[in-house]
């Protein structure tokens, strides 16, 4: 059990770009307690055979609920995640870097729109999702509540945090809900370019002057703990992980994704002559698993609950944008119009 987390008290659990909450209503109960057993069996058989569930198909209430929460908060993560990098557009070193960063930030906001559309197919209006974000009811990835202090921070974000996101999203793109999977396929393609952009930036700094090397090492030192938090605590704290993975809402455990990230990127970091601020980090040759210092889950919990370095700042930016754009929405929406759920 991770210190500070109790799966039976309704506290939130963050899984990288996916946020799943065990509420008092479902804690200790089956997710399918009130479902039609015949329909449920047919539903699970379709998923077991590799079929995709579409918006018009029957689905368990908890499946719909968990997907809405996961997809909308992935969308929030994309749009909030553009903010720390966006602050560096005007300060990018050179016109080429400025153009590349502008394109990346634009892509991230576009990803949010794709994901909001996917979540809307499950019946929750986009306006409600944005309101839940601004009010603090709906969460986003804790990693975006830290400041980008130098240009090197943007390089580390674009390379290593996007790398973690790709590992998460590639896994989820093989999930069971059609609209989410199709959105992720496009997002992962664009994220691969972001990864190359970030890697190019890190290589440039790591092989540059002494000042540049020190700057990128400092950025890595500061971002390593949030990166280790990114995939979330062990799945042992979730009472419903088995069912959610059977439904292909979750496609891999947090620990498995964290191990995959370490497998792929620790050697690349070391190849650049950079060090990782964890003296205990090593690969166990017998088990093939990486051993590392246990992340500070108390900080993780504190940041999720709104007490991170930039939580208030990030939400204030979104709140201001929502207020300034209200007149546009009022001009486009007529009182006699009804909300229509997207079909796919």
C-alpha atoms as a PDB file:
ATOM      1  CA  UNK A   1       0.000   0.000   0.000  1.00  0.00           C
ATOM      2  CA  UNK A   2       1.314   3.423  -0.892  1.00  0.00           C
ATOM      3  CA  UNK A   3       1.513   5.699   2.167  1.00  0.00           C
ATOM      4  CA  UNK A   4      -1.339   8.192   2.297  1.00  0.00           C
ATOM      5  CA  UNK A   5      -3.619   6.301  -0.090  1.00  0.00           C
ATOM      6  CA  UNK A   6      -6.659   4.338   1.013  1.00  0.00           C
ATOM      7  CA  UNK A   7      -8.730   2.738  -1.760  1.00  0.00           C
ATOM      8  CA  UNK A   8     -11.797   2.675   0.486  1.00  0.00           C
ATOM      9  CA  UNK A   9     -12.046   6.349   1.424  1.00  0.00           C
ATOM     10  CA  UNK A  10     -12.848   7.934  -1.922  1.00  0.00           C
ATOM     11  CA  UNK A  11      -9.475   9.598  -2.467  1.00  0.00           C
ATOM     12  CA  UNK A  12      -8.282  10.132  -6.029  1.00  0.00           C
ATOM     13  CA  UNK A  13      -5.718   8.039  -7.854  1.00  0.00           C
ATOM     14  CA  UNK A  14      -3.777   9.530 -10.760  1.00  0.00           C
ATOM     15  CA  UNK A  15      -2.497   7.296 -13.531  1.00  0.00           C
ATOM     16  CA  UNK A  16      -0.256   9.346 -15.751  1.00  0.00           C
ATOM     17  CA  UNK A  17      -2.697  10.883 -18.181  1.00  0.00           C
ATOM     18  CA  UNK A  18      -5.626   8.936 -16.797  1.00  0.00           C
ATOM     19  CA  UNK A  19      -7.428   9.756 -13.566  1.00  0.00           C
ATOM     20  CA  UNK A  20      -9.557   7.135 -11.894  1.00  0.00           C
ATOM     21  CA  UNK A  21     -11.367   7.728  -8.623  1.00  0.00           C
ATOM     22  CA  UNK A  22     -12.688   5.182  -6.180  1.00  0.00           C
ATOM     23  CA  UNK A  23     -15.759   6.787  -4.613  1.00  0.00           C
ATOM     24  CA  UNK A  24     -17.554   5.737  -1.447  1.00  0.00           C
ATOM     25  CA  UNK A  25     -20.490   4.572  -3.587  1.00  0.00           C
ATOM     26  CA  UNK A  26     -18.431   1.899  -5.348  1.00  0.00           C
ATOM     27  CA  UNK A  27     -15.624   1.234  -2.864  1.00  0.00           C
ATOM     28  CA  UNK A  28     -15.727  -2.368  -1.729  1.00  0.00           C
ATOM     29  CA  UNK A  29     -18.474  -3.241  -4.232  1.00  0.00           C
ATOM     30  CA  UNK A  30     -18.498  -4.904  -7.607  1.00  0.00           C
ATOM     31  CA  UNK A  31     -18.512  -2.500 -10.552  1.00  0.00           C
ATOM     32  CA  UNK A  32     -21.226  -4.640 -12.135  1.00  0.00           C
ATOM     33  CA  UNK A  33     -23.475  -5.165  -9.121  1.00  0.00           C
ATOM     34  CA  UNK A  34     -26.624  -3.699 -10.723  1.00  0.00           C
ATOM     35  CA  UNK A  35     -26.032  -4.670 -14.354  1.00  0.00           C
ATOM     36  CA  UNK A  36     -28.059  -7.056 -16.527  1.00  0.00           C
ATOM     37  CA  UNK A  37     -25.956 -10.266 -16.451  1.00  0.00           C
ATOM     38  CA  UNK A  38     -26.868 -11.248 -20.028  1.00  0.00           C
ATOM     39  CA  UNK A  39     -25.945  -7.869 -21.507  1.00  0.00           C
ATOM     40  CA  UNK A  40     -22.814  -7.744 -19.371  1.00  0.00           C
ATOM     41  CA  UNK A  41     -21.701 -11.177 -20.609  1.00  0.00           C
ATOM     42  CA  UNK A  42     -22.244 -10.123 -24.230  1.00  0.00           C
ATOM     43  CA  UNK A  43     -20.372  -6.872 -23.611  1.00  0.00           C
ATOM     44  CA  UNK A  44     -17.376  -8.609 -22.040  1.00  0.00           C
ATOM     45  CA  UNK A  45     -17.343 -11.268 -24.777  1.00  0.00           C
ATOM     46  CA  UNK A  46     -17.082  -8.544 -27.440  1.00  0.00           C
ATOM     47  CA  UNK A  47     -14.145  -6.962 -25.653  1.00  0.00           C
ATOM     48  CA  UNK A  48     -12.457 -10.331 -25.160  1.00  0.00           C
ATOM     49  CA  UNK A  49     -12.739 -10.912 -28.939  1.00  0.00           C
ATOM     50  CA  UNK A  50     -11.046  -7.580 -29.638  1.00  0.00           C
ATOM     51  CA  UNK A  51     -14.122  -5.654 -30.790  1.00  0.00           C
ATOM     52  CA  UNK A  52     -14.437  -1.924 -30.195  1.00  0.00           C
ATOM     53  CA  UNK A  53     -17.311  -0.492 -28.187  1.00  0.00           C
ATOM     54  CA  UNK A  54     -19.002   2.432 -29.959  1.00  0.00           C
ATOM     55  CA  UNK A  55     -21.105   5.255 -28.430  1.00  0.00           C
ATOM     56  CA  UNK A  56     -24.458   3.743 -29.413  1.00  0.00           C
ATOM     57  CA  UNK A  57     -23.592   0.316 -27.952  1.00  0.00           C
ATOM     58  CA  UNK A  58     -24.770  -0.920 -24.563  1.00  0.00           C
ATOM     59  CA  UNK A  59     -22.124  -0.550 -21.852  1.00  0.00           C
ATOM     60  CA  UNK A  60     -22.043  -0.897 -18.049  1.00  0.00           C
ATOM     61  CA  UNK A  61     -22.666   2.370 -16.192  1.00  0.00           C
ATOM     62  CA  UNK A  62     -19.282   2.148 -14.464  1.00  0.00           C
ATOM     63  CA  UNK A  63     -17.509   1.587 -17.797  1.00  0.00           C
ATOM     64  CA  UNK A  64     -19.060   4.810 -19.119  1.00  0.00           C
ATOM     65  CA  UNK A  65     -18.270   6.688 -15.895  1.00  0.00           C
ATOM     66  CA  UNK A  66     -14.620   5.633 -15.778  1.00  0.00           C
ATOM     67  CA  UNK A  67     -14.097   6.382 -19.473  1.00  0.00           C
ATOM     68  CA  UNK A  68     -15.594   9.864 -19.160  1.00  0.00           C
ATOM     69  CA  UNK A  69     -13.337  10.609 -16.206  1.00  0.00           C
ATOM     70  CA  UNK A  70     -10.239   9.200 -17.882  1.00  0.00           C
ATOM     71  CA  UNK A  71     -10.732  10.806 -21.300  1.00  0.00           C
ATOM     72  CA  UNK A  72     -11.815  14.233 -20.076  1.00  0.00           C
ATOM     73  CA  UNK A  73      -8.919  14.431 -17.644  1.00  0.00           C
ATOM     74  CA  UNK A  74      -6.532  13.332 -20.381  1.00  0.00           C
ATOM     75  CA  UNK A  75      -7.957  16.261 -22.358  1.00  0.00           C
ATOM     76  CA  UNK A  76      -7.382  18.584 -19.398  1.00  0.00           C
ATOM     77  CA  UNK A  77      -3.785  17.338 -19.188  1.00  0.00           C
ATOM     78  CA  UNK A  78      -3.174  18.199 -22.823  1.00  0.00           C
ATOM     79  CA  UNK A  79      -4.530  21.732 -22.548  1.00  0.00           C
ATOM     80  CA  UNK A  80      -2.904  22.486 -19.174  1.00  0.00           C
ATOM     81  CA  UNK A  81       0.294  20.794 -20.367  1.00  0.00           C
ATOM     82  CA  UNK A  82       0.649  23.412 -23.095  1.00  0.00           C
ATOM     83  CA  UNK A  83       0.996  26.194 -20.492  1.00  0.00           C
ATOM     84  CA  UNK A  84       4.508  25.624 -19.063  1.00  0.00           C
ATOM     85  CA  UNK A  85       5.959  25.326 -22.576  1.00  0.00           C
ATOM     86  CA  UNK A  86       3.797  28.144 -23.931  1.00  0.00           C
ATOM     87  CA  UNK A  87       5.417  30.627 -21.566  1.00  0.00           C
ATOM     88  CA  UNK A  88       8.694  30.121 -23.456  1.00  0.00           C
ATOM     89  CA  UNK A  89       7.415  30.909 -26.969  1.00  0.00           C
ATOM     90  CA  UNK A  90       8.390  34.574 -26.719  1.00  0.00           C
ATOM     91  CA  UNK A  91      11.756  33.672 -25.172  1.00  0.00           C
ATOM     92  CA  UNK A  92      12.777  30.779 -27.426  1.00  0.00           C
ATOM     93  CA  UNK A  93      16.429  30.997 -28.548  1.00  0.00           C
ATOM     94  CA  UNK A  94      16.050  31.770 -32.237  1.00  0.00           C
ATOM     95  CA  UNK A  95      13.293  31.891 -34.807  1.00  0.00           C
ATOM     96  CA  UNK A  96      13.534  28.182 -35.707  1.00  0.00           C
ATOM     97  CA  UNK A  97      13.046  27.097 -32.095  1.00  0.00           C
ATOM     98  CA  UNK A  98      10.206  29.591 -31.704  1.00  0.00           C
ATOM     99  CA  UNK A  99       8.342  28.184 -34.714  1.00  0.00           C
ATOM    100  CA  UNK A 100       8.853  24.606 -33.533  1.00  0.00           C
ATOM    101  CA  UNK A 101       7.615  25.359 -30.028  1.00  0.00           C
ATOM    102  CA  UNK A 102       4.577  27.246 -31.359  1.00  0.00           C
ATOM    103  CA  UNK A 103       3.679  24.237 -33.514  1.00  0.00           C
ATOM    104  CA  UNK A 104       4.053  21.876 -30.563  1.00  0.00           C
ATOM    105  CA  UNK A 105       1.862  23.971 -28.267  1.00  0.00           C
ATOM    106  CA  UNK A 106      -0.752  24.227 -31.021  1.00  0.00           C
ATOM    107  CA  UNK A 107      -0.694  20.445 -31.396  1.00  0.00           C
ATOM    108  CA  UNK A 108      -1.225  19.909 -27.660  1.00  0.00           C
ATOM    109  CA  UNK A 109      -4.290  22.171 -27.637  1.00  0.00           C
ATOM    110  CA  UNK A 110      -5.573  20.318 -30.704  1.00  0.00           C
ATOM    111  CA  UNK A 111      -5.129  17.020 -28.873  1.00  0.00           C
ATOM    112  CA  UNK A 112      -7.319  18.364 -26.082  1.00  0.00           C
ATOM    113  CA  UNK A 113     -10.073  19.149 -28.583  1.00  0.00           C
ATOM    114  CA  UNK A 114      -9.928  15.616 -30.018  1.00  0.00           C
ATOM    115  CA  UNK A 115     -10.180  14.159 -26.532  1.00  0.00           C
ATOM    116  CA  UNK A 116     -13.029  16.414 -25.425  1.00  0.00           C
ATOM    117  CA  UNK A 117     -14.904  15.272 -28.539  1.00  0.00           C
ATOM    118  CA  UNK A 118     -14.240  11.624 -27.667  1.00  0.00           C
ATOM    119  CA  UNK A 119     -15.485  12.169 -24.109  1.00  0.00           C
ATOM    120  CA  UNK A 120     -18.592  13.945 -25.409  1.00  0.00           C
ATOM    121  CA  UNK A 121     -19.628  10.772 -27.252  1.00  0.00           C
ATOM    122  CA  UNK A 122     -20.262   9.298 -23.797  1.00  0.00           C
ATOM    123  CA  UNK A 123     -22.800  12.004 -22.991  1.00  0.00           C
ATOM    124  CA  UNK A 124     -20.995  14.663 -20.977  1.00  0.00           C
ATOM    125  CA  UNK A 125     -21.065  18.124 -22.625  1.00  0.00           C
ATOM    126  CA  UNK A 126     -17.740  19.859 -23.179  1.00  0.00           C
ATOM    127  CA  UNK A 127     -18.941  22.905 -21.238  1.00  0.00           C
ATOM    128  CA  UNK A 128     -19.452  20.723 -18.167  1.00  0.00           C
ATOM    129  CA  UNK A 129     -15.965  19.274 -18.537  1.00  0.00           C
ATOM    130  CA  UNK A 130     -14.360  22.720 -18.708  1.00  0.00           C
ATOM    131  CA  UNK A 131     -16.405  23.896 -15.731  1.00  0.00           C
ATOM    132  CA  UNK A 132     -15.281  20.862 -13.723  1.00  0.00           C
ATOM    133  CA  UNK A 133     -11.657  21.623 -14.598  1.00  0.00           C
ATOM    134  CA  UNK A 134     -11.886  25.267 -13.556  1.00  0.00           C
ATOM    135  CA  UNK A 135     -13.723  24.447 -10.324  1.00  0.00           C
ATOM    136  CA  UNK A 136     -11.098  21.856  -9.388  1.00  0.00           C
ATOM    137  CA  UNK A 137     -13.578  18.974  -9.426  1.00  0.00           C
ATOM    138  CA  UNK A 138     -11.859  17.346 -12.386  1.00  0.00           C
ATOM    139  CA  UNK A 139      -8.107  16.740 -12.250  1.00  0.00           C
ATOM    140  CA  UNK A 140      -5.221  16.620 -14.723  1.00  0.00           C
ATOM    141  CA  UNK A 141      -1.748  15.113 -14.672  1.00  0.00           C
ATOM    142  CA  UNK A 142       0.182  16.294 -11.612  1.00  0.00           C
ATOM    143  CA  UNK A 143       3.368  16.771 -13.655  1.00  0.00           C
ATOM    144  CA  UNK A 144       2.021  19.990 -15.178  1.00  0.00           C
ATOM    145  CA  UNK A 145       1.889  21.748 -11.823  1.00  0.00           C
ATOM    146  CA  UNK A 146       5.620  22.493 -11.834  1.00  0.00           C
ATOM    147  CA  UNK A 147       7.300  25.595 -13.308  1.00  0.00           C
ATOM    148  CA  UNK A 148       9.418  25.696 -16.468  1.00  0.00           C
ATOM    149  CA  UNK A 149      12.252  27.824 -15.077  1.00  0.00           C
ATOM    150  CA  UNK A 150      14.657  27.736 -18.033  1.00  0.00           C
ATOM    151  CA  UNK A 151      14.681  26.913 -21.738  1.00  0.00           C
ATOM    152  CA  UNK A 152      16.139  23.513 -20.812  1.00  0.00           C
ATOM    153  CA  UNK A 153      12.929  22.717 -18.937  1.00  0.00           C
ATOM    154  CA  UNK A 154      11.005  22.855 -22.202  1.00  0.00           C
ATOM    155  CA  UNK A 155      13.499  20.411 -23.697  1.00  0.00           C
ATOM    156  CA  UNK A 156      13.098  17.924 -20.840  1.00  0.00           C
ATOM    157  CA  UNK A 157       9.292  18.263 -20.961  1.00  0.00           C
ATOM    158  CA  UNK A 158       9.155  17.688 -24.718  1.00  0.00           C
ATOM    159  CA  UNK A 159      11.487  14.697 -24.555  1.00  0.00           C
ATOM    160  CA  UNK A 160      10.904  12.777 -21.325  1.00  0.00           C
ATOM    161  CA  UNK A 161       7.399  13.777 -20.267  1.00  0.00           C
ATOM    162  CA  UNK A 162       6.114  13.330 -23.799  1.00  0.00           C
ATOM    163  CA  UNK A 163       7.945   9.996 -23.843  1.00  0.00           C
ATOM    164  CA  UNK A 164       6.020   8.921 -20.761  1.00  0.00           C
ATOM    165  CA  UNK A 165       2.796  10.145 -22.331  1.00  0.00           C
ATOM    166  CA  UNK A 166       3.451   8.150 -25.495  1.00  0.00           C
ATOM    167  CA  UNK A 167       4.018   4.961 -23.477  1.00  0.00           C
ATOM    168  CA  UNK A 168       0.688   5.543 -21.732  1.00  0.00           C
ATOM    169  CA  UNK A 169      -1.194   6.537 -24.869  1.00  0.00           C
ATOM    170  CA  UNK A 170       0.132   3.792 -27.135  1.00  0.00           C
ATOM    171  CA  UNK A 171      -1.089   1.272 -24.557  1.00  0.00           C
ATOM    172  CA  UNK A 172      -4.511   2.921 -24.275  1.00  0.00           C
ATOM    173  CA  UNK A 173      -4.861   3.179 -28.067  1.00  0.00           C
ATOM    174  CA  UNK A 174      -5.352  -0.600 -27.988  1.00  0.00           C
ATOM    175  CA  UNK A 175      -8.220  -0.274 -25.553  1.00  0.00           C
ATOM    176  CA  UNK A 176     -11.884  -1.104 -26.039  1.00  0.00           C
ATOM    177  CA  UNK A 177     -13.593   2.249 -26.644  1.00  0.00           C
ATOM    178  CA  UNK A 178     -13.531   3.145 -30.333  1.00  0.00           C
ATOM    179  CA  UNK A 179     -13.618   6.971 -30.278  1.00  0.00           C
ATOM    180  CA  UNK A 180     -10.833   7.168 -27.691  1.00  0.00           C
ATOM    181  CA  UNK A 181      -8.657   4.683 -29.568  1.00  0.00           C
ATOM    182  CA  UNK A 182      -9.056   6.573 -32.856  1.00  0.00           C
ATOM    183  CA  UNK A 183      -8.214   9.884 -31.187  1.00  0.00           C
ATOM    184  CA  UNK A 184      -5.123   8.339 -29.583  1.00  0.00           C
ATOM    185  CA  UNK A 185      -3.848   6.944 -32.869  1.00  0.00           C
ATOM    186  CA  UNK A 186      -3.698  10.449 -34.323  1.00  0.00           C
ATOM    187  CA  UNK A 187      -2.339  11.945 -31.106  1.00  0.00           C
ATOM    188  CA  UNK A 188       0.457   9.376 -30.835  1.00  0.00           C
ATOM    189  CA  UNK A 189       1.563  10.130 -34.402  1.00  0.00           C
ATOM    190  CA  UNK A 190       1.916  13.814 -33.585  1.00  0.00           C
ATOM    191  CA  UNK A 191       3.497  13.118 -30.205  1.00  0.00           C
ATOM    192  CA  UNK A 192       6.264  11.154 -31.928  1.00  0.00           C
ATOM    193  CA  UNK A 193       7.290  14.396 -33.648  1.00  0.00           C
ATOM    194  CA  UNK A 194       7.219  16.203 -30.303  1.00  0.00           C
ATOM    195  CA  UNK A 195       9.501  13.524 -28.904  1.00  0.00           C
ATOM    196  CA  UNK A 196      12.015  14.048 -31.711  1.00  0.00           C
ATOM    197  CA  UNK A 197      11.831  17.812 -31.201  1.00  0.00           C
ATOM    198  CA  UNK A 198      12.513  17.441 -27.481  1.00  0.00           C
ATOM    199  CA  UNK A 199      15.342  14.968 -28.010  1.00  0.00           C
ATOM    200  CA  UNK A 200      16.984  17.303 -30.512  1.00  0.00           C
ATOM    201  CA  UNK A 201      16.799  20.139 -27.973  1.00  0.00           C
ATOM    202  CA  UNK A 202      18.288  18.015 -25.183  1.00  0.00           C
ATOM    203  CA  UNK A 203      21.101  16.723 -27.412  1.00  0.00           C
ATOM    204  CA  UNK A 204      21.925  20.284 -28.494  1.00  0.00           C
ATOM    205  CA  UNK A 205      22.185  21.444 -24.881  1.00  0.00           C
ATOM    206  CA  UNK A 206      23.941  18.326 -23.570  1.00  0.00           C
ATOM    207  CA  UNK A 207      26.651  18.602 -26.247  1.00  0.00           C
ATOM    208  CA  UNK A 208      26.942  22.392 -26.064  1.00  0.00           C
ATOM    209  CA  UNK A 209      28.797  24.764 -23.790  1.00  0.00           C
ATOM    210  CA  UNK A 210      29.411  24.141 -20.101  1.00  0.00           C
ATOM    211  CA  UNK A 211      26.589  26.543 -19.258  1.00  0.00           C
ATOM    212  CA  UNK A 212      24.193  24.684 -21.550  1.00  0.00           C
ATOM    213  CA  UNK A 213      25.176  21.291 -20.123  1.00  0.00           C
ATOM    214  CA  UNK A 214      24.702  22.539 -16.578  1.00  0.00           C
ATOM    215  CA  UNK A 215      21.327  24.044 -17.491  1.00  0.00           C
ATOM    216  CA  UNK A 216      19.945  20.823 -18.971  1.00  0.00           C
ATOM    217  CA  UNK A 217      21.324  18.752 -16.077  1.00  0.00           C
ATOM    218  CA  UNK A 218      19.655  21.096 -13.597  1.00  0.00           C
ATOM    219  CA  UNK A 219      16.363  20.779 -15.486  1.00  0.00           C
ATOM    220  CA  UNK A 220      16.614  16.983 -15.441  1.00  0.00           C
ATOM    221  CA  UNK A 221      17.340  17.012 -11.698  1.00  0.00           C
ATOM    222  CA  UNK A 222      14.220  19.078 -11.001  1.00  0.00           C
ATOM    223  CA  UNK A 223      11.890  17.190 -13.348  1.00  0.00           C
ATOM    224  CA  UNK A 224      12.956  13.635 -12.455  1.00  0.00           C
ATOM    225  CA  UNK A 225      10.686  13.320  -9.354  1.00  0.00           C
ATOM    226  CA  UNK A 226       7.569  14.553 -11.248  1.00  0.00           C
ATOM    227  CA  UNK A 227       8.468  12.187 -14.107  1.00  0.00           C
ATOM    228  CA  UNK A 228       8.588   9.254 -11.678  1.00  0.00           C
ATOM    229  CA  UNK A 229       5.232  10.385 -10.293  1.00  0.00           C
ATOM    230  CA  UNK A 230       3.790  10.646 -13.812  1.00  0.00           C
ATOM    231  CA  UNK A 231       2.699   7.010 -14.101  1.00  0.00           C
ATOM    232  CA  UNK A 232       1.053   7.064 -10.675  1.00  0.00           C
ATOM    233  CA  UNK A 233       1.418   4.826  -7.622  1.00  0.00           C
ATOM    234  CA  UNK A 234       1.233   1.064  -7.670  1.00  0.00           C
ATOM    235  CA  UNK A 235      -2.012  -0.475  -8.875  1.00  0.00           C
ATOM    236  CA  UNK A 236      -2.162  -2.340  -5.572  1.00  0.00           C
ATOM    237  CA  UNK A 237      -4.061   0.623  -4.128  1.00  0.00           C
ATOM    238  CA  UNK A 238      -6.908   0.276  -6.639  1.00  0.00           C
ATOM    239  CA  UNK A 239      -9.681  -2.154  -5.751  1.00  0.00           C
ATOM    240  CA  UNK A 240     -11.045  -2.207  -9.319  1.00  0.00           C
ATOM    241  CA  UNK A 241      -7.905  -2.539 -11.447  1.00  0.00           C
ATOM    242  CA  UNK A 242      -8.645  -6.148 -12.444  1.00  0.00           C
ATOM    243  CA  UNK A 243     -12.116  -5.317 -13.797  1.00  0.00           C
ATOM    244  CA  UNK A 244     -10.955  -2.138 -15.563  1.00  0.00           C
ATOM    245  CA  UNK A 245      -8.164  -4.044 -17.296  1.00  0.00           C
ATOM    246  CA  UNK A 246     -10.588  -6.833 -18.276  1.00  0.00           C
ATOM    247  CA  UNK A 247     -12.780  -4.138 -19.859  1.00  0.00           C
ATOM    248  CA  UNK A 248      -9.656  -2.676 -21.509  1.00  0.00           C
ATOM    249  CA  UNK A 249     -10.203   0.700 -19.901  1.00  0.00           C
ATOM    250  CA  UNK A 250      -6.725   0.331 -18.453  1.00  0.00           C
ATOM    251  CA  UNK A 251      -4.277  -1.500 -20.695  1.00  0.00           C
ATOM    252  CA  UNK A 252      -1.198  -1.702 -18.474  1.00  0.00           C
ATOM    253  CA  UNK A 253      -0.353  -1.254 -14.821  1.00  0.00           C
ATOM    254  CA  UNK A 254       1.367   1.890 -13.603  1.00  0.00           C
ATOM    255  CA  UNK A 255       4.437  -0.048 -12.540  1.00  0.00           C
ATOM    256  CA  UNK A 256       4.694  -1.783 -15.918  1.00  0.00           C
ATOM    257  CA  UNK A 257       4.554   1.556 -17.745  1.00  0.00           C
ATOM    258  CA  UNK A 258       7.148   3.054 -15.390  1.00  0.00           C
ATOM    259  CA  UNK A 259       9.461   0.087 -16.015  1.00  0.00           C
ATOM    260  CA  UNK A 260       8.996   0.441 -19.775  1.00  0.00           C
ATOM    261  CA  UNK A 261       9.912   4.133 -19.570  1.00  0.00           C
ATOM    262  CA  UNK A 262      13.052   3.373 -17.561  1.00  0.00           C
ATOM    263  CA  UNK A 263      14.020   0.596 -19.991  1.00  0.00           C
ATOM    264  CA  UNK A 264      13.774   2.898 -22.982  1.00  0.00           C
ATOM    265  CA  UNK A 265      15.075   6.212 -21.668  1.00  0.00           C
ATOM    266  CA  UNK A 266      17.574   5.700 -18.846  1.00  0.00           C
ATOM    267  CA  UNK A 267      20.221   4.358 -21.288  1.00  0.00           C
ATOM    268  CA  UNK A 268      19.561   7.305 -23.636  1.00  0.00           C
ATOM    269  CA  UNK A 269      19.969   9.795 -20.795  1.00  0.00           C
ATOM    270  CA  UNK A 270      23.246   8.197 -19.728  1.00  0.00           C
ATOM    271  CA  UNK A 271      24.500   8.119 -23.335  1.00  0.00           C
ATOM    272  CA  UNK A 272      24.299  11.928 -23.359  1.00  0.00           C
ATOM    273  CA  UNK A 273      26.568  12.129 -20.324  1.00  0.00           C
ATOM    274  CA  UNK A 274      23.703  13.260 -18.101  1.00  0.00           C
ATOM    275  CA  UNK A 275      23.169  11.876 -14.608  1.00  0.00           C
ATOM    276  CA  UNK A 276      19.909  10.857 -12.984  1.00  0.00           C
ATOM    277  CA  UNK A 277      19.330  12.216  -9.471  1.00  0.00           C
ATOM    278  CA  UNK A 278      18.675   8.819  -7.899  1.00  0.00           C
ATOM    279  CA  UNK A 279      21.716   7.034  -6.418  1.00  0.00           C
ATOM    280  CA  UNK A 280      19.654   3.856  -6.007  1.00  0.00           C
ATOM    281  CA  UNK A 281      18.649   3.600  -9.668  1.00  0.00           C
ATOM    282  CA  UNK A 282      19.956   0.365 -11.167  1.00  0.00           C
ATOM    283  CA  UNK A 283      18.716  -2.593 -13.140  1.00  0.00           C
ATOM    284  CA  UNK A 284      18.436  -5.874 -11.294  1.00  0.00           C
ATOM    285  CA  UNK A 285      20.159  -8.333 -13.629  1.00  0.00           C
ATOM    286  CA  UNK A 286      18.308 -11.300 -12.118  1.00  0.00           C
ATOM    287  CA  UNK A 287      14.767  -9.912 -12.396  1.00  0.00           C
ATOM    288  CA  UNK A 288      15.336  -7.546 -15.338  1.00  0.00           C
ATOM    289  CA  UNK A 289      13.483  -4.853 -13.367  1.00  0.00           C
ATOM    290  CA  UNK A 290      14.714  -1.396 -12.502  1.00  0.00           C
ATOM    291  CA  UNK A 291      15.180  -0.612  -8.822  1.00  0.00           C
ATOM    292  CA  UNK A 292      14.826   2.990  -7.731  1.00  0.00           C
ATOM    293  CA  UNK A 293      14.171   5.212  -4.747  1.00  0.00           C
ATOM    294  CA  UNK A 294      10.494   5.105  -3.866  1.00  0.00           C
ATOM    295  CA  UNK A 295       8.919   8.355  -5.092  1.00  0.00           C
ATOM    296  CA  UNK A 296       7.584  10.803  -2.530  1.00  0.00           C
ATOM    297  CA  UNK A 297       3.918   9.859  -2.664  1.00  0.00           C
ATOM    298  CA  UNK A 298       3.030  12.446  -0.034  1.00  0.00           C
ATOM    299  CA  UNK A 299       4.134  15.182  -2.435  1.00  0.00           C
ATOM    300  CA  UNK A 300       2.271  13.415  -5.220  1.00  0.00           C
ATOM    301  CA  UNK A 301      -0.924  13.454  -3.158  1.00  0.00           C
ATOM    302  CA  UNK A 302      -0.394  17.072  -2.088  1.00  0.00           C
ATOM    303  CA  UNK A 303       0.053  18.279  -5.686  1.00  0.00           C
ATOM    304  CA  UNK A 304      -3.015  16.372  -6.908  1.00  0.00           C
ATOM    305  CA  UNK A 305      -5.048  17.944  -4.136  1.00  0.00           C
ATOM    306  CA  UNK A 306      -4.161  21.436  -5.380  1.00  0.00           C
ATOM    307  CA  UNK A 307      -1.100  22.397  -3.350  1.00  0.00           C
ATOM    308  CA  UNK A 308       1.623  22.148  -6.005  1.00  0.00           C
ATOM    309  CA  UNK A 309       3.921  24.982  -7.093  1.00  0.00           C
ATOM    310  CA  UNK A 310       1.693  26.014 -10.014  1.00  0.00           C
ATOM    311  CA  UNK A 311      -1.787  24.570  -9.407  1.00  0.00           C
ATOM    312  CA  UNK A 312      -3.427  27.925  -8.736  1.00  0.00           C
ATOM    313  CA  UNK A 313      -1.559  29.619 -11.598  1.00  0.00           C
ATOM    314  CA  UNK A 314      -2.522  26.952 -14.145  1.00  0.00           C
ATOM    315  CA  UNK A 315      -6.226  27.074 -13.257  1.00  0.00           C
ATOM    316  CA  UNK A 316      -6.198  30.886 -13.132  1.00  0.00           C
ATOM    317  CA  UNK A 317      -4.963  30.966 -16.740  1.00  0.00           C
ATOM    318  CA  UNK A 318      -7.731  28.601 -17.849  1.00  0.00           C
ATOM    319  CA  UNK A 319     -10.349  30.533 -15.880  1.00  0.00           C
ATOM    320  CA  UNK A 320      -9.282  33.815 -17.485  1.00  0.00           C
ATOM    321  CA  UNK A 321      -9.353  32.267 -20.963  1.00  0.00           C
ATOM    322  CA  UNK A 322     -12.844  30.898 -20.310  1.00  0.00           C
ATOM    323  CA  UNK A 323     -14.089  34.279 -19.121  1.00  0.00           C
ATOM    324  CA  UNK A 324     -12.565  36.174 -22.044  1.00  0.00           C
ATOM    325  CA  UNK A 325     -14.072  33.731 -24.539  1.00  0.00           C
ATOM    326  CA  UNK A 326     -17.549  33.693 -23.018  1.00  0.00           C
ATOM    327  CA  UNK A 327     -18.895  36.290 -25.459  1.00  0.00           C
ATOM    328  CA  UNK A 328     -17.944  34.091 -28.412  1.00  0.00           C
ATOM    329  CA  UNK A 329     -19.843  31.133 -26.989  1.00  0.00           C
ATOM    330  CA  UNK A 330     -22.863  33.304 -26.248  1.00  0.00           C
ATOM    331  CA  UNK A 331     -22.839  34.578 -29.833  1.00  0.00           C
ATOM    332  CA  UNK A 332     -22.725  31.046 -31.263  1.00  0.00           C
ATOM    333  CA  UNK A 333     -25.258  29.319 -29.012  1.00  0.00           C
ATOM    334  CA  UNK A 334     -28.991  30.023 -29.273  1.00  0.00           C
ATOM    335  CA  UNK A 335     -31.380  29.468 -26.399  1.00  0.00           C
ATOM    336  CA  UNK A 336     -33.543  27.078 -28.398  1.00  0.00           C
ATOM    337  CA  UNK A 337     -30.650  24.784 -29.335  1.00  0.00           C
ATOM    338  CA  UNK A 338     -30.175  21.487 -27.526  1.00  0.00           C
ATOM    339  CA  UNK A 339     -26.933  19.701 -26.822  1.00  0.00           C
ATOM    340  CA  UNK A 340     -26.292  16.865 -29.281  1.00  0.00           C
ATOM    341  CA  UNK A 341     -24.058  13.935 -28.385  1.00  0.00           C
ATOM    342  CA  UNK A 342     -21.426  13.274 -31.109  1.00  0.00           C
ATOM    343  CA  UNK A 343     -21.843   9.943 -32.854  1.00  0.00           C
ATOM    344  CA  UNK A 344     -18.196   8.882 -33.072  1.00  0.00           C
END
